PDB file of all heavy atoms in Angstrom:
ATOM      1  N   PRO A   1     114.109  89.785  83.275  1.00  0.00           N
ATOM      2  CA  PRO A   1     114.182  90.360  84.639  1.00  0.00           C
ATOM      3  C   PRO A   1     113.386  89.301  85.588  1.00  0.00           C
ATOM      4  O   PRO A   1     112.697  88.494  85.170  1.00  0.00           O
ATOM      5  CB  PRO A   1     113.399  91.670  84.489  1.00  0.00           C
ATOM      6  CG  PRO A   1     113.429  92.019  83.127  1.00  0.00           C
ATOM      7  CD  PRO A   1     113.370  90.765  82.314  1.00  0.00           C
ATOM      8  N   LEU A   2     113.691  89.604  86.842  1.00  0.00           N
ATOM      9  CA  LEU A   2     113.075  88.679  87.914  1.00  0.00           C
ATOM     10  C   LEU A   2     111.571  88.846  88.146  1.00  0.00           C
ATOM     11  O   LEU A   2     110.991  87.931  88.313  1.00  0.00           O
ATOM     12  CB  LEU A   2     113.800  88.887  89.189  1.00  0.00           C
ATOM     13  CG  LEU A   2     113.547  88.002  90.399  1.00  0.00           C
ATOM     14  CD1 LEU A   2     114.012  86.672  90.228  1.00  0.00           C
ATOM     15  CD2 LEU A   2     114.064  88.536  91.761  1.00  0.00           C
ATOM     16  N   TYR A   3     111.194  90.134  87.990  1.00  0.00           N
ATOM     17  CA  TYR A   3     109.765  90.288  88.338  1.00  0.00           C
ATOM     18  C   TYR A   3     109.104  91.109  87.120  1.00  0.00           C
ATOM     19  O   TYR A   3     109.745  91.622  86.409  1.00  0.00           O
ATOM     20  CB  TYR A   3     109.600  91.178  89.737  1.00  0.00           C
ATOM     21  CG  TYR A   3     110.374  92.386  89.774  1.00  0.00           C
ATOM     22  CD1 TYR A   3     109.953  93.544  89.168  1.00  0.00           C
ATOM     23  CD2 TYR A   3     111.529  92.388  90.446  1.00  0.00           C
ATOM     24  CE1 TYR A   3     110.660  94.763  89.194  1.00  0.00           C
ATOM     25  CE2 TYR A   3     112.341  93.589  90.470  1.00  0.00           C
ATOM     26  CZ  TYR A   3     111.824  94.749  89.966  1.00  0.00           C
ATOM     27  OH  TYR A   3     112.625  95.868  89.889  1.00  0.00           O
ATOM     28  N   ASN A   4     107.880  90.985  87.104  1.00  0.00           N
ATOM     29  CA  ASN A   4     106.999  91.716  85.992  1.00  0.00           C
ATOM     30  C   ASN A   4     106.639  93.059  86.501  1.00  0.00           C
ATOM     31  O   ASN A   4     106.507  93.313  87.808  1.00  0.00           O
ATOM     32  CB  ASN A   4     105.719  91.011  85.712  1.00  0.00           C
ATOM     33  CG  ASN A   4     106.018  89.546  85.105  1.00  0.00           C
ATOM     34  OD1 ASN A   4     107.129  89.484  84.530  1.00  0.00           O
ATOM     35  ND2 ASN A   4     105.111  88.549  85.357  1.00  0.00           N
ATOM     36  N   LEU A   5     106.402  94.070  85.755  1.00  0.00           N
ATOM     37  CA  LEU A   5     106.164  95.346  86.121  1.00  0.00           C
ATOM     38  C   LEU A   5     104.819  95.657  86.524  1.00  0.00           C
ATOM     39  O   LEU A   5     104.558  96.704  87.289  1.00  0.00           O
ATOM     40  CB  LEU A   5     106.493  96.375  85.034  1.00  0.00           C
ATOM     41  CG  LEU A   5     107.955  96.575  84.614  1.00  0.00           C
ATOM     42  CD1 LEU A   5     108.080  97.293  83.353  1.00  0.00           C
ATOM     43  CD2 LEU A   5     108.782  97.130  85.667  1.00  0.00           C
ATOM     44  N   ASP A   6     103.941  94.615  86.266  1.00  0.00           N
ATOM     45  CA  ASP A   6     102.495  94.893  86.741  1.00  0.00           C
ATOM     46  C   ASP A   6     102.202  94.327  88.210  1.00  0.00           C
ATOM     47  O   ASP A   6     101.117  94.542  88.698  1.00  0.00           O
ATOM     48  CB  ASP A   6     101.541  94.265  85.693  1.00  0.00           C
ATOM     49  CG  ASP A   6     101.862  92.660  85.706  1.00  0.00           C
ATOM     50  OD1 ASP A   6     102.843  92.261  86.090  1.00  0.00           O
ATOM     51  OD2 ASP A   6     101.051  92.068  85.013  1.00  0.00           O
ATOM     52  N   LEU A   7     103.265  93.915  88.763  1.00  0.00           N
ATOM     53  CA  LEU A   7     103.175  93.655  90.280  1.00  0.00           C
ATOM     54  C   LEU A   7     103.088  94.821  91.121  1.00  0.00           C
ATOM     55  O   LEU A   7     103.617  95.852  90.681  1.00  0.00           O
ATOM     56  CB  LEU A   7     104.421  92.645  90.698  1.00  0.00           C
ATOM     57  CG  LEU A   7     104.579  91.291  89.995  1.00  0.00           C
ATOM     58  CD1 LEU A   7     105.682  90.717  90.569  1.00  0.00           C
ATOM     59  CD2 LEU A   7     103.343  90.417  90.151  1.00  0.00           C
ATOM     60  N   THR A   8     102.514  94.746  92.292  1.00  0.00           N
ATOM     61  CA  THR A   8     102.471  95.796  93.255  1.00  0.00           C
ATOM     62  C   THR A   8     103.976  95.962  93.741  1.00  0.00           C
ATOM     63  O   THR A   8     104.726  95.094  93.716  1.00  0.00           O
ATOM     64  CB  THR A   8     101.482  95.471  94.379  1.00  0.00           C
ATOM     65  OG1 THR A   8     101.983  94.462  95.143  1.00  0.00           O
ATOM     66  CG2 THR A   8     100.158  95.305  93.806  1.00  0.00           C
ATOM     67  N   ILE A   9     104.118  97.078  94.432  1.00  0.00           N
ATOM     68  CA  ILE A   9     105.449  97.297  95.090  1.00  0.00           C
ATOM     69  C   ILE A   9     105.675  96.233  96.105  1.00  0.00           C
ATOM     70  O   ILE A   9     106.741  95.704  96.102  1.00  0.00           O
ATOM     71  CB  ILE A   9     105.460  98.804  95.706  1.00  0.00           C
ATOM     72  CG1 ILE A   9     105.274  99.822  94.749  1.00  0.00           C
ATOM     73  CG2 ILE A   9     106.710  98.925  96.538  1.00  0.00           C
ATOM     74  CD1 ILE A   9     105.148 101.215  95.309  1.00  0.00           C
ATOM     75  N   GLN A  10     104.691  95.895  96.960  1.00  0.00           N
ATOM     76  CA  GLN A  10     104.763  94.930  97.858  1.00  0.00           C
ATOM     77  C   GLN A  10     105.201  93.499  97.379  1.00  0.00           C
ATOM     78  O   GLN A  10     106.065  92.817  97.694  1.00  0.00           O
ATOM     79  CB  GLN A  10     103.567  94.675  98.755  1.00  0.00           C
ATOM     80  CG  GLN A  10     103.195  95.970  99.554  1.00  0.00           C
ATOM     81  CD  GLN A  10     102.312  96.778  98.931  1.00  0.00           C
ATOM     82  OE1 GLN A  10     102.418  97.188  97.683  1.00  0.00           O
ATOM     83  NE2 GLN A  10     101.259  97.333  99.639  1.00  0.00           N
ATOM     84  N   GLU A  11     104.556  93.130  96.136  1.00  0.00           N
ATOM     85  CA  GLU A  11     104.777  91.924  95.526  1.00  0.00           C
ATOM     86  C   GLU A  11     106.364  91.848  94.988  1.00  0.00           C
ATOM     87  O   GLU A  11     107.022  90.798  94.940  1.00  0.00           O
ATOM     88  CB  GLU A  11     103.812  91.676  94.429  1.00  0.00           C
ATOM     89  CG  GLU A  11     102.405  91.353  94.928  1.00  0.00           C
ATOM     90  CD  GLU A  11     101.364  91.361  93.776  1.00  0.00           C
ATOM     91  OE1 GLU A  11     101.591  92.048  92.861  1.00  0.00           O
ATOM     92  OE2 GLU A  11     100.381  90.548  93.937  1.00  0.00           O
ATOM     93  N   LYS A  12     106.675  92.996  94.311  1.00  0.00           N
ATOM     94  CA  LYS A  12     108.093  92.998  93.920  1.00  0.00           C
ATOM     95  C   LYS A  12     109.092  92.873  95.035  1.00  0.00           C
ATOM     96  O   LYS A  12     110.048  92.082  94.833  1.00  0.00           O
ATOM     97  CB  LYS A  12     108.311  94.350  93.049  1.00  0.00           C
ATOM     98  CG  LYS A  12     107.555  94.588  91.873  1.00  0.00           C
ATOM     99  CD  LYS A  12     107.693  96.041  91.341  1.00  0.00           C
ATOM    100  CE  LYS A  12     106.851  96.191  90.061  1.00  0.00           C
ATOM    101  NZ  LYS A  12     106.756  97.597  89.641  1.00  0.00           N
ATOM    102  N   ILE A  13     108.893  93.608  96.047  1.00  0.00           N
ATOM    103  CA  ILE A  13     109.704  93.470  97.291  1.00  0.00           C
ATOM    104  C   ILE A  13     109.777  92.006  97.729  1.00  0.00           C
ATOM    105  O   ILE A  13     110.884  91.533  98.007  1.00  0.00           O
ATOM    106  CB  ILE A  13     109.401  94.494  98.428  1.00  0.00           C
ATOM    107  CG1 ILE A  13     109.651  95.948  97.951  1.00  0.00           C
ATOM    108  CG2 ILE A  13     110.277  94.173  99.577  1.00  0.00           C
ATOM    109  CD1 ILE A  13     109.052  96.967  98.799  1.00  0.00           C
ATOM    110  N   GLU A  14     108.671  91.479  97.873  1.00  0.00           N
ATOM    111  CA  GLU A  14     108.635  90.024  98.350  1.00  0.00           C
ATOM    112  C   GLU A  14     109.296  89.154  97.438  1.00  0.00           C
ATOM    113  O   GLU A  14     110.156  88.101  97.926  1.00  0.00           O
ATOM    114  CB  GLU A  14     107.089  89.640  98.562  1.00  0.00           C
ATOM    115  CG  GLU A  14     106.456  90.239  99.845  1.00  0.00           C
ATOM    116  CD  GLU A  14     104.945  89.967  99.742  1.00  0.00           C
ATOM    117  OE1 GLU A  14     104.349  89.537  98.748  1.00  0.00           O
ATOM    118  OE2 GLU A  14     104.408  90.210 100.791  1.00  0.00           O
ATOM    119  N   LYS A  15     109.148  89.246  96.074  1.00  0.00           N
ATOM    120  CA  LYS A  15     109.809  88.254  95.189  1.00  0.00           C
ATOM    121  C   LYS A  15     111.408  88.493  95.318  1.00  0.00           C
ATOM    122  O   LYS A  15     112.133  87.546  95.195  1.00  0.00           O
ATOM    123  CB  LYS A  15     109.392  88.684  93.770  1.00  0.00           C
ATOM    124  CG  LYS A  15     109.693  87.659  92.787  1.00  0.00           C
ATOM    125  CD  LYS A  15     109.111  87.869  91.544  1.00  0.00           C
ATOM    126  CE  LYS A  15     109.352  86.812  90.440  1.00  0.00           C
ATOM    127  NZ  LYS A  15     108.798  85.521  90.821  1.00  0.00           N
ATOM    128  N   ILE A  16     111.810  89.693  95.403  1.00  0.00           N
ATOM    129  CA  ILE A  16     113.284  89.952  95.533  1.00  0.00           C
ATOM    130  C   ILE A  16     113.749  89.388  96.805  1.00  0.00           C
ATOM    131  O   ILE A  16     114.799  88.536  96.853  1.00  0.00           O
ATOM    132  CB  ILE A  16     113.696  91.333  95.447  1.00  0.00           C
ATOM    133  CG1 ILE A  16     113.372  92.075  94.097  1.00  0.00           C
ATOM    134  CG2 ILE A  16     115.145  91.661  95.802  1.00  0.00           C
ATOM    135  CD1 ILE A  16     113.354  93.480  93.913  1.00  0.00           C
ATOM    136  N   ALA A  17     113.044  89.628  98.105  1.00  0.00           N
ATOM    137  CA  ALA A  17     113.387  89.115  99.232  1.00  0.00           C
ATOM    138  C   ALA A  17     113.482  87.557  99.297  1.00  0.00           C
ATOM    139  O   ALA A  17     114.451  87.093  99.848  1.00  0.00           O
ATOM    140  CB  ALA A  17     112.456  89.633 100.275  1.00  0.00           C
ATOM    141  N   LYS A  18     112.456  86.906  98.711  1.00  0.00           N
ATOM    142  CA  LYS A  18     112.426  85.511  98.776  1.00  0.00           C
ATOM    143  C   LYS A  18     113.475  84.696  97.797  1.00  0.00           C
ATOM    144  O   LYS A  18     114.200  83.906  98.150  1.00  0.00           O
ATOM    145  CB  LYS A  18     111.127  84.919  98.278  1.00  0.00           C
ATOM    146  CG  LYS A  18     109.982  85.283  99.409  1.00  0.00           C
ATOM    147  CD  LYS A  18     108.645  84.819  99.052  1.00  0.00           C
ATOM    148  CE  LYS A  18     107.619  85.050 100.004  1.00  0.00           C
ATOM    149  NZ  LYS A  18     106.223  84.643  99.501  1.00  0.00           N
ATOM    150  N   GLU A  19     113.469  85.329  96.539  1.00  0.00           N
ATOM    151  CA  GLU A  19     114.322  84.651  95.542  1.00  0.00           C
ATOM    152  C   GLU A  19     115.889  85.108  95.526  1.00  0.00           C
ATOM    153  O   GLU A  19     116.726  84.298  95.159  1.00  0.00           O
ATOM    154  CB  GLU A  19     113.798  84.868  94.130  1.00  0.00           C
ATOM    155  CG  GLU A  19     112.475  84.267  93.981  1.00  0.00           C
ATOM    156  CD  GLU A  19     111.946  84.032  92.528  1.00  0.00           C
ATOM    157  OE1 GLU A  19     112.935  83.738  91.666  1.00  0.00           O
ATOM    158  OE2 GLU A  19     110.791  84.118  92.254  1.00  0.00           O
ATOM    159  N   ILE A  20     116.092  86.317  95.908  1.00  0.00           N
ATOM    160  CA  ILE A  20     117.504  86.749  95.828  1.00  0.00           C
ATOM    161  C   ILE A  20     118.200  86.586  97.286  1.00  0.00           C
ATOM    162  O   ILE A  20     119.219  86.242  97.496  1.00  0.00           O
ATOM    163  CB  ILE A  20     117.644  88.184  95.417  1.00  0.00           C
ATOM    164  CG1 ILE A  20     116.977  88.198  93.960  1.00  0.00           C
ATOM    165  CG2 ILE A  20     119.104  88.692  95.375  1.00  0.00           C
ATOM    166  CD1 ILE A  20     117.686  87.427  93.012  1.00  0.00           C
ATOM    167  N   TYR A  21     117.417  86.943  98.356  1.00  0.00           N
ATOM    168  CA  TYR A  21     117.928  87.044  99.779  1.00  0.00           C
ATOM    169  C   TYR A  21     117.684  85.832 100.530  1.00  0.00           C
ATOM    170  O   TYR A  21     118.002  85.517 101.603  1.00  0.00           O
ATOM    171  CB  TYR A  21     117.420  88.268 100.508  1.00  0.00           C
ATOM    172  CG  TYR A  21     118.026  89.607  99.925  1.00  0.00           C
ATOM    173  CD1 TYR A  21     117.378  90.336  98.941  1.00  0.00           C
ATOM    174  CD2 TYR A  21     119.342  89.969 100.340  1.00  0.00           C
ATOM    175  CE1 TYR A  21     117.974  91.437  98.404  1.00  0.00           C
ATOM    176  CE2 TYR A  21     119.823  91.177  99.682  1.00  0.00           C
ATOM    177  CZ  TYR A  21     119.239  91.862  98.841  1.00  0.00           C
ATOM    178  OH  TYR A  21     119.832  92.979  98.369  1.00  0.00           O
ATOM    179  N   GLY A  22     116.634  84.960 100.027  1.00  0.00           N
ATOM    180  CA  GLY A  22     116.386  83.736 100.738  1.00  0.00           C
ATOM    181  C   GLY A  22     115.502  83.830 101.917  1.00  0.00           C
ATOM    182  O   GLY A  22     115.354  83.070 102.775  1.00  0.00           O
ATOM    183  N   ALA A  23     114.629  84.903 101.947  1.00  0.00           N
ATOM    184  CA  ALA A  23     113.680  85.238 103.061  1.00  0.00           C
ATOM    185  C   ALA A  23     112.487  84.428 102.890  1.00  0.00           C
ATOM    186  O   ALA A  23     112.043  83.915 101.799  1.00  0.00           O
ATOM    187  CB  ALA A  23     113.291  86.680 102.947  1.00  0.00           C
ATOM    188  N   ASP A  24     111.814  84.092 104.030  1.00  0.00           N
ATOM    189  CA  ASP A  24     110.595  83.288 103.986  1.00  0.00           C
ATOM    190  C   ASP A  24     109.340  84.182 103.645  1.00  0.00           C
ATOM    191  O   ASP A  24     108.357  83.713 103.154  1.00  0.00           O
ATOM    192  CB  ASP A  24     110.326  82.703 105.471  1.00  0.00           C
ATOM    193  CG  ASP A  24     111.321  81.672 105.856  1.00  0.00           C
ATOM    194  OD1 ASP A  24     111.843  80.973 104.845  1.00  0.00           O
ATOM    195  OD2 ASP A  24     111.743  81.569 106.933  1.00  0.00           O
ATOM    196  N   GLY A  25     109.514  85.457 103.973  1.00  0.00           N
ATOM    197  CA  GLY A  25     108.495  86.391 103.664  1.00  0.00           C
ATOM    198  C   GLY A  25     108.863  87.851 104.014  1.00  0.00           C
ATOM    199  O   GLY A  25     110.031  88.014 104.511  1.00  0.00           O
TER     200      GLY A  25
END
């Protein structure tokens, strides 16, 4: 999977936004 489950909700959202959608933040 892309992210680990021990990340916070915010961290998971940020990882998806940056790596999948190409967002800066």
